[in-house]
């Protein structure tokens, strides 16, 4: 059996709205393709390298937890940036997405320094953007999830897609997330991967390509995943 290794960062701080479900989805869909996904929890980054890592995941957390995680991850920000630039696949959710940018501005105007790995920023407001969301993506087709965030993120990178229902990165430009090389950032909780198998398979396939191991293209039975996705789409269509 072929193997991949996933680094799960800040498991003790960043796990809002069942984000851990993304790890479960990755492990299961890897298993169905005869790939063992080894998960390494990384809560302290001193001495950490990405030499043995094939995929990384950073979940969402509160502002306080986000600030603590940013401080810890700042110790390896150059290594993380190099891994992203070299095409390592990664999924970052909400706070894990926000602090990849240059700064996070709180509702009272305080600027919190981000990792500065990518050139964007987030402005937080007291009014939260909350509810189910539907996105149309050129890469992944229909994407669904749940968002609950005060932050409004602004950037000029490629995104996951166009928001048809909900808010996305902010309540202005109608776009959601970021897609830079093989890095995906998003505000979608729920968690996102069990309902969107196309994204799960994308992360696994890119990891296999980089490692030089086969990724079986055979079609899996996605009946349950598609039903979960359609249930959210139907909520809007039946209003």
C-alpha atoms as a PDB file:
ATOM      1  CA  UNK A   1       0.000   0.000   0.000  1.00  0.00           C
ATOM      2  CA  UNK A   2       1.300   3.461  -0.920  1.00  0.00           C
ATOM      3  CA  UNK A   3       1.477   6.059   1.829  1.00  0.00           C
ATOM      4  CA  UNK A   4       1.100   9.823   2.196  1.00  0.00           C
ATOM      5  CA  UNK A   5       1.797  11.978   5.254  1.00  0.00           C
ATOM      6  CA  UNK A   6      -0.387  14.897   6.308  1.00  0.00           C
ATOM      7  CA  UNK A   7       0.714  17.532   8.812  1.00  0.00           C
ATOM      8  CA  UNK A   8      -2.247  18.736  10.877  1.00  0.00           C
ATOM      9  CA  UNK A   9      -1.207  22.044  12.436  1.00  0.00           C
ATOM     10  CA  UNK A  10      -2.459  23.446  15.721  1.00  0.00           C
ATOM     11  CA  UNK A  11      -4.928  20.661  16.490  1.00  0.00           C
ATOM     12  CA  UNK A  12      -5.227  21.924  20.065  1.00  0.00           C
ATOM     13  CA  UNK A  13      -6.321  25.415  18.989  1.00  0.00           C
ATOM     14  CA  UNK A  14      -7.898  25.365  15.535  1.00  0.00           C
ATOM     15  CA  UNK A  15     -10.952  23.110  15.222  1.00  0.00           C
ATOM     16  CA  UNK A  16     -14.140  25.164  14.864  1.00  0.00           C
ATOM     17  CA  UNK A  17     -17.355  23.690  13.456  1.00  0.00           C
ATOM     18  CA  UNK A  18     -16.086  20.127  13.031  1.00  0.00           C
ATOM     19  CA  UNK A  19     -13.092  21.050  10.860  1.00  0.00           C
ATOM     20  CA  UNK A  20     -11.514  17.763  11.984  1.00  0.00           C
ATOM     21  CA  UNK A  21     -13.994  16.103   9.609  1.00  0.00           C
ATOM     22  CA  UNK A  22     -11.759  17.187   6.751  1.00  0.00           C
ATOM     23  CA  UNK A  23      -9.029  14.858   8.020  1.00  0.00           C
ATOM     24  CA  UNK A  24     -11.524  11.993   8.263  1.00  0.00           C
ATOM     25  CA  UNK A  25     -12.631  12.576   4.654  1.00  0.00           C
ATOM     26  CA  UNK A  26      -9.063  12.659   3.368  1.00  0.00           C
ATOM     27  CA  UNK A  27      -8.154   9.457   5.194  1.00  0.00           C
ATOM     28  CA  UNK A  28     -11.223   7.599   3.953  1.00  0.00           C
ATOM     29  CA  UNK A  29     -10.961   8.587   0.298  1.00  0.00           C
ATOM     30  CA  UNK A  30      -7.244   7.786   0.374  1.00  0.00           C
ATOM     31  CA  UNK A  31      -8.045   4.357   1.841  1.00  0.00           C
ATOM     32  CA  UNK A  32     -10.575   3.675  -0.924  1.00  0.00           C
ATOM     33  CA  UNK A  33      -7.721   4.209  -3.377  1.00  0.00           C
ATOM     34  CA  UNK A  34      -5.398   1.887  -1.481  1.00  0.00           C
ATOM     35  CA  UNK A  35      -3.382   4.759  -0.013  1.00  0.00           C
ATOM     36  CA  UNK A  36      -2.589   5.004   3.687  1.00  0.00           C
ATOM     37  CA  UNK A  37      -2.742   8.600   4.930  1.00  0.00           C
ATOM     38  CA  UNK A  38      -0.567   9.087   8.000  1.00  0.00           C
ATOM     39  CA  UNK A  39      -1.593  12.110  10.087  1.00  0.00           C
ATOM     40  CA  UNK A  40       1.042  13.940  12.145  1.00  0.00           C
ATOM     41  CA  UNK A  41      -0.302  16.453  14.684  1.00  0.00           C
ATOM     42  CA  UNK A  42       1.943  19.516  14.916  1.00  0.00           C
ATOM     43  CA  UNK A  43       1.237  21.823  17.863  1.00  0.00           C
ATOM     44  CA  UNK A  44       4.805  22.975  18.484  1.00  0.00           C
ATOM     45  CA  UNK A  45       6.848  23.985  15.458  1.00  0.00           C
ATOM     46  CA  UNK A  46      10.376  24.251  16.830  1.00  0.00           C
ATOM     47  CA  UNK A  47      12.604  22.228  14.493  1.00  0.00           C
ATOM     48  CA  UNK A  48       9.744  21.196  12.201  1.00  0.00           C
ATOM     49  CA  UNK A  49      10.572  20.709   8.513  1.00  0.00           C
ATOM     50  CA  UNK A  50       8.390  19.694   5.581  1.00  0.00           C
ATOM     51  CA  UNK A  51      10.758  16.991   4.355  1.00  0.00           C
ATOM     52  CA  UNK A  52       8.342  14.212   5.292  1.00  0.00           C
ATOM     53  CA  UNK A  53       5.128  16.080   4.567  1.00  0.00           C
ATOM     54  CA  UNK A  54       2.904  15.540   1.517  1.00  0.00           C
ATOM     55  CA  UNK A  55      -0.223  17.533   2.489  1.00  0.00           C
ATOM     56  CA  UNK A  56      -0.878  20.063   5.256  1.00  0.00           C
ATOM     57  CA  UNK A  57      -4.059  21.200   6.974  1.00  0.00           C
ATOM     58  CA  UNK A  58      -4.814  24.217   9.182  1.00  0.00           C
ATOM     59  CA  UNK A  59      -8.299  24.601  10.655  1.00  0.00           C
ATOM     60  CA  UNK A  60     -10.215  27.587  11.983  1.00  0.00           C
ATOM     61  CA  UNK A  61     -10.271  29.127  15.453  1.00  0.00           C
ATOM     62  CA  UNK A  62     -11.272  32.165  17.475  1.00  0.00           C
ATOM     63  CA  UNK A  63      -9.314  35.427  17.225  1.00  0.00           C
ATOM     64  CA  UNK A  64      -7.390  34.558  20.395  1.00  0.00           C
ATOM     65  CA  UNK A  65      -6.529  31.060  19.226  1.00  0.00           C
ATOM     66  CA  UNK A  66      -5.669  32.423  15.795  1.00  0.00           C
ATOM     67  CA  UNK A  67      -3.186  34.864  17.325  1.00  0.00           C
ATOM     68  CA  UNK A  68      -1.542  32.065  19.342  1.00  0.00           C
ATOM     69  CA  UNK A  69      -1.353  29.817  16.279  1.00  0.00           C
ATOM     70  CA  UNK A  70       0.131  32.617  14.176  1.00  0.00           C
ATOM     71  CA  UNK A  71       2.864  33.144  16.777  1.00  0.00           C
ATOM     72  CA  UNK A  72       3.726  29.438  16.746  1.00  0.00           C
ATOM     73  CA  UNK A  73       3.616  29.102  12.959  1.00  0.00           C
ATOM     74  CA  UNK A  74       5.749  32.223  12.500  1.00  0.00           C
ATOM     75  CA  UNK A  75       8.712  30.082  13.590  1.00  0.00           C
ATOM     76  CA  UNK A  76       8.434  28.090  10.339  1.00  0.00           C
ATOM     77  CA  UNK A  77       6.846  30.642   8.021  1.00  0.00           C
ATOM     78  CA  UNK A  78       9.735  30.604   5.541  1.00  0.00           C
ATOM     79  CA  UNK A  79       9.598  26.798   5.385  1.00  0.00           C
ATOM     80  CA  UNK A  80       5.806  26.880   4.956  1.00  0.00           C
ATOM     81  CA  UNK A  81       6.102  29.484   2.217  1.00  0.00           C
ATOM     82  CA  UNK A  82       8.711  27.382   0.401  1.00  0.00           C
ATOM     83  CA  UNK A  83       6.468  24.310   0.619  1.00  0.00           C
ATOM     84  CA  UNK A  84       3.539  26.245  -0.850  1.00  0.00           C
ATOM     85  CA  UNK A  85       5.673  27.719  -3.626  1.00  0.00           C
ATOM     86  CA  UNK A  86       6.955  24.242  -4.470  1.00  0.00           C
ATOM     87  CA  UNK A  87       3.389  23.046  -4.972  1.00  0.00           C
ATOM     88  CA  UNK A  88       2.668  21.144  -1.792  1.00  0.00           C
ATOM     89  CA  UNK A  89      -1.120  20.755  -1.488  1.00  0.00           C
ATOM     90  CA  UNK A  90      -2.708  22.293   1.580  1.00  0.00           C
ATOM     91  CA  UNK A  91      -6.134  23.189   2.935  1.00  0.00           C
ATOM     92  CA  UNK A  92      -6.607  26.147   5.272  1.00  0.00           C
ATOM     93  CA  UNK A  93      -9.941  27.052   6.867  1.00  0.00           C
ATOM     94  CA  UNK A  94     -11.168  30.448   8.115  1.00  0.00           C
ATOM     95  CA  UNK A  95      -8.536  31.587  10.663  1.00  0.00           C
ATOM     96  CA  UNK A  96      -6.028  29.201   9.103  1.00  0.00           C
ATOM     97  CA  UNK A  97      -6.679  30.961   5.795  1.00  0.00           C
ATOM     98  CA  UNK A  98      -6.665  34.497   7.182  1.00  0.00           C
ATOM     99  CA  UNK A  99      -3.292  34.424   8.884  1.00  0.00           C
ATOM    100  CA  UNK A 100      -1.480  33.376   5.696  1.00  0.00           C
ATOM    101  CA  UNK A 101      -1.904  37.029   4.697  1.00  0.00           C
ATOM    102  CA  UNK A 102      -0.090  40.165   5.801  1.00  0.00           C
ATOM    103  CA  UNK A 103      -2.425  41.363   8.518  1.00  0.00           C
ATOM    104  CA  UNK A 104      -5.736  40.924  10.320  1.00  0.00           C
ATOM    105  CA  UNK A 105      -7.502  44.113  11.378  1.00  0.00           C
ATOM    106  CA  UNK A 106      -9.839  43.740  14.364  1.00  0.00           C
ATOM    107  CA  UNK A 107     -13.195  45.579  14.585  1.00  0.00           C
ATOM    108  CA  UNK A 108     -11.598  48.226  16.826  1.00  0.00           C
ATOM    109  CA  UNK A 109      -8.869  48.890  14.264  1.00  0.00           C
ATOM    110  CA  UNK A 110      -6.038  46.977  15.912  1.00  0.00           C
ATOM    111  CA  UNK A 111      -3.697  45.431  13.335  1.00  0.00           C
ATOM    112  CA  UNK A 112      -2.465  41.920  14.054  1.00  0.00           C
ATOM    113  CA  UNK A 113       0.503  40.778  11.994  1.00  0.00           C
ATOM    114  CA  UNK A 114      -0.053  37.739   9.786  1.00  0.00           C
ATOM    115  CA  UNK A 115       2.498  35.299   8.452  1.00  0.00           C
ATOM    116  CA  UNK A 116       2.913  37.314   5.237  1.00  0.00           C
ATOM    117  CA  UNK A 117       3.165  34.187   3.127  1.00  0.00           C
ATOM    118  CA  UNK A 118       0.740  35.641   0.579  1.00  0.00           C
ATOM    119  CA  UNK A 119      -0.085  39.257  -0.216  1.00  0.00           C
ATOM    120  CA  UNK A 120      -3.575  39.852   1.188  1.00  0.00           C
ATOM    121  CA  UNK A 121      -5.297  41.141   4.314  1.00  0.00           C
ATOM    122  CA  UNK A 122      -8.445  40.618   6.362  1.00  0.00           C
ATOM    123  CA  UNK A 123     -10.631  43.339   7.871  1.00  0.00           C
ATOM    124  CA  UNK A 124     -12.902  42.094  10.662  1.00  0.00           C
ATOM    125  CA  UNK A 125     -16.279  43.655  11.476  1.00  0.00           C
ATOM    126  CA  UNK A 126     -18.764  43.080  14.284  1.00  0.00           C
ATOM    127  CA  UNK A 127     -21.459  42.012  11.829  1.00  0.00           C
ATOM    128  CA  UNK A 128     -20.863  38.377  10.940  1.00  0.00           C
ATOM    129  CA  UNK A 129     -21.374  36.719   7.560  1.00  0.00           C
ATOM    130  CA  UNK A 130     -23.230  33.555   8.442  1.00  0.00           C
ATOM    131  CA  UNK A 131     -25.169  30.757   6.751  1.00  0.00           C
ATOM    132  CA  UNK A 132     -25.088  28.103   4.074  1.00  0.00           C
ATOM    133  CA  UNK A 133     -23.122  28.971   0.942  1.00  0.00           C
ATOM    134  CA  UNK A 134     -23.045  27.720  -2.647  1.00  0.00           C
ATOM    135  CA  UNK A 135     -20.172  28.395  -5.046  1.00  0.00           C
ATOM    136  CA  UNK A 136     -19.724  27.632  -8.728  1.00  0.00           C
ATOM    137  CA  UNK A 137     -16.129  26.705  -9.503  1.00  0.00           C
ATOM    138  CA  UNK A 138     -14.446  26.210 -12.875  1.00  0.00           C
ATOM    139  CA  UNK A 139     -12.143  23.661 -11.230  1.00  0.00           C
ATOM    140  CA  UNK A 140     -14.412  21.817  -8.785  1.00  0.00           C
ATOM    141  CA  UNK A 141     -17.959  22.342 -10.045  1.00  0.00           C
ATOM    142  CA  UNK A 142     -20.555  23.156  -7.385  1.00  0.00           C
ATOM    143  CA  UNK A 143     -19.122  23.671  -3.901  1.00  0.00           C
ATOM    144  CA  UNK A 144     -21.259  23.908  -0.759  1.00  0.00           C
ATOM    145  CA  UNK A 145     -20.582  24.597   2.893  1.00  0.00           C
ATOM    146  CA  UNK A 146     -21.331  26.752   5.917  1.00  0.00           C
ATOM    147  CA  UNK A 147     -19.725  30.084   6.733  1.00  0.00           C
ATOM    148  CA  UNK A 148     -19.618  32.070   9.972  1.00  0.00           C
ATOM    149  CA  UNK A 149     -16.996  34.804  10.002  1.00  0.00           C
ATOM    150  CA  UNK A 150     -16.546  38.435  10.920  1.00  0.00           C
ATOM    151  CA  UNK A 151     -13.490  38.772   8.707  1.00  0.00           C
ATOM    152  CA  UNK A 152     -13.620  40.167   5.186  1.00  0.00           C
ATOM    153  CA  UNK A 153     -10.651  39.013   3.134  1.00  0.00           C
ATOM    154  CA  UNK A 154      -9.367  40.941   0.114  1.00  0.00           C
ATOM    155  CA  UNK A 155      -6.880  39.688  -2.480  1.00  0.00           C
ATOM    156  CA  UNK A 156      -6.179  39.441  -6.214  1.00  0.00           C
ATOM    157  CA  UNK A 157      -5.319  35.741  -6.386  1.00  0.00           C
ATOM    158  CA  UNK A 158      -7.436  33.074  -8.051  1.00  0.00           C
ATOM    159  CA  UNK A 159     -10.371  31.964  -5.919  1.00  0.00           C
ATOM    160  CA  UNK A 160     -12.325  28.752  -5.439  1.00  0.00           C
ATOM    161  CA  UNK A 161     -15.155  30.237  -7.452  1.00  0.00           C
ATOM    162  CA  UNK A 162     -18.118  32.577  -7.721  1.00  0.00           C
ATOM    163  CA  UNK A 163     -20.626  32.760  -4.884  1.00  0.00           C
ATOM    164  CA  UNK A 164     -24.207  32.134  -6.014  1.00  0.00           C
ATOM    165  CA  UNK A 165     -25.702  32.023  -2.494  1.00  0.00           C
ATOM    166  CA  UNK A 166     -23.992  33.406   0.609  1.00  0.00           C
ATOM    167  CA  UNK A 167     -21.110  35.821   1.119  1.00  0.00           C
ATOM    168  CA  UNK A 168     -17.642  34.287   0.592  1.00  0.00           C
ATOM    169  CA  UNK A 169     -14.418  36.224   1.102  1.00  0.00           C
ATOM    170  CA  UNK A 170     -16.349  39.381   1.837  1.00  0.00           C
ATOM    171  CA  UNK A 171     -19.780  40.806   1.136  1.00  0.00           C
ATOM    172  CA  UNK A 172     -18.601  42.803  -1.874  1.00  0.00           C
ATOM    173  CA  UNK A 173     -16.873  40.929  -4.701  1.00  0.00           C
ATOM    174  CA  UNK A 174     -18.919  37.703  -4.837  1.00  0.00           C
ATOM    175  CA  UNK A 175     -15.887  35.384  -4.697  1.00  0.00           C
ATOM    176  CA  UNK A 176     -14.808  32.771  -2.162  1.00  0.00           C
ATOM    177  CA  UNK A 177     -11.503  31.470  -0.922  1.00  0.00           C
ATOM    178  CA  UNK A 178      -8.124  31.344  -2.565  1.00  0.00           C
ATOM    179  CA  UNK A 179      -6.488  28.874  -4.940  1.00  0.00           C
ATOM    180  CA  UNK A 180      -2.766  29.522  -5.216  1.00  0.00           C
ATOM    181  CA  UNK A 181      -0.756  26.734  -6.843  1.00  0.00           C
ATOM    182  CA  UNK A 182      -1.982  23.738  -4.789  1.00  0.00           C
ATOM    183  CA  UNK A 183      -2.933  25.758  -1.723  1.00  0.00           C
ATOM    184  CA  UNK A 184      -6.642  26.116  -0.992  1.00  0.00           C
ATOM    185  CA  UNK A 185      -7.967  28.613   1.540  1.00  0.00           C
ATOM    186  CA  UNK A 186     -11.650  28.983   2.364  1.00  0.00           C
ATOM    187  CA  UNK A 187     -14.221  30.222   4.865  1.00  0.00           C
ATOM    188  CA  UNK A 188     -16.271  27.040   4.447  1.00  0.00           C
ATOM    189  CA  UNK A 189     -16.805  24.975   7.555  1.00  0.00           C
ATOM    190  CA  UNK A 190     -19.275  22.168   7.812  1.00  0.00           C
ATOM    191  CA  UNK A 191     -16.699  20.589   7.230  1.00  0.00           C
ATOM    192  CA  UNK A 192     -16.021  21.289   3.548  1.00  0.00           C
ATOM    193  CA  UNK A 193     -14.426  18.046   2.317  1.00  0.00           C
ATOM    194  CA  UNK A 194     -17.105  15.412   3.093  1.00  0.00           C
ATOM    195  CA  UNK A 195     -19.627  17.360   1.002  1.00  0.00           C
ATOM    196  CA  UNK A 196     -17.170  18.223  -1.780  1.00  0.00           C
ATOM    197  CA  UNK A 197     -15.335  15.073  -2.829  1.00  0.00           C
ATOM    198  CA  UNK A 198     -13.846  16.827  -5.860  1.00  0.00           C
ATOM    199  CA  UNK A 199     -11.717  18.995  -3.553  1.00  0.00           C
ATOM    200  CA  UNK A 200     -10.699  16.022  -1.415  1.00  0.00           C
ATOM    201  CA  UNK A 201      -9.566  14.083  -4.472  1.00  0.00           C
ATOM    202  CA  UNK A 202      -7.727  17.109  -5.848  1.00  0.00           C
ATOM    203  CA  UNK A 203      -5.599  17.389  -2.690  1.00  0.00           C
ATOM    204  CA  UNK A 204      -4.843  13.679  -2.676  1.00  0.00           C
ATOM    205  CA  UNK A 205      -4.051  13.565  -6.390  1.00  0.00           C
ATOM    206  CA  UNK A 206      -1.665  16.514  -6.220  1.00  0.00           C
ATOM    207  CA  UNK A 207       0.115  14.923  -3.265  1.00  0.00           C
ATOM    208  CA  UNK A 208       0.479  11.669  -5.209  1.00  0.00           C
ATOM    209  CA  UNK A 209       1.818  13.473  -8.265  1.00  0.00           C
ATOM    210  CA  UNK A 210       4.465  15.272  -6.191  1.00  0.00           C
ATOM    211  CA  UNK A 211       5.491  12.049  -4.462  1.00  0.00           C
ATOM    212  CA  UNK A 212       5.494  10.012  -7.660  1.00  0.00           C
ATOM    213  CA  UNK A 213       2.961   7.402  -6.587  1.00  0.00           C
ATOM    214  CA  UNK A 214      -0.150   6.369  -8.574  1.00  0.00           C
ATOM    215  CA  UNK A 215      -3.524   7.957  -7.933  1.00  0.00           C
ATOM    216  CA  UNK A 216      -6.208   5.619  -9.202  1.00  0.00           C
ATOM    217  CA  UNK A 217      -8.584   7.538 -11.473  1.00  0.00           C
ATOM    218  CA  UNK A 218     -11.396   5.014 -10.920  1.00  0.00           C
ATOM    219  CA  UNK A 219     -14.751   6.529 -10.044  1.00  0.00           C
ATOM    220  CA  UNK A 220     -15.858   6.043  -6.443  1.00  0.00           C
ATOM    221  CA  UNK A 221     -19.461   5.824  -5.284  1.00  0.00           C
ATOM    222  CA  UNK A 222     -20.191   9.445  -4.373  1.00  0.00           C
ATOM    223  CA  UNK A 223     -23.934   9.019  -3.810  1.00  0.00           C
ATOM    224  CA  UNK A 224     -23.845  10.103  -0.166  1.00  0.00           C
ATOM    225  CA  UNK A 225     -21.557  13.055  -0.847  1.00  0.00           C
ATOM    226  CA  UNK A 226     -23.700  14.285  -3.726  1.00  0.00           C
ATOM    227  CA  UNK A 227     -26.863  13.938  -1.614  1.00  0.00           C
ATOM    228  CA  UNK A 228     -25.322  16.069   1.135  1.00  0.00           C
ATOM    229  CA  UNK A 229     -24.340  18.685  -1.413  1.00  0.00           C
ATOM    230  CA  UNK A 230     -27.747  18.703  -3.081  1.00  0.00           C
ATOM    231  CA  UNK A 231     -29.492  19.139   0.274  1.00  0.00           C
ATOM    232  CA  UNK A 232     -27.811  22.515   0.718  1.00  0.00           C
ATOM    233  CA  UNK A 233     -28.476  23.577  -2.870  1.00  0.00           C
ATOM    234  CA  UNK A 234     -32.153  22.643  -2.421  1.00  0.00           C
ATOM    235  CA  UNK A 235     -32.460  24.912   0.619  1.00  0.00           C
ATOM    236  CA  UNK A 236     -31.949  27.905  -1.641  1.00  0.00           C
ATOM    237  CA  UNK A 237     -33.905  26.618  -4.612  1.00  0.00           C
ATOM    238  CA  UNK A 238     -36.937  25.879  -2.436  1.00  0.00           C
ATOM    239  CA  UNK A 239     -37.044  29.287  -0.745  1.00  0.00           C
END
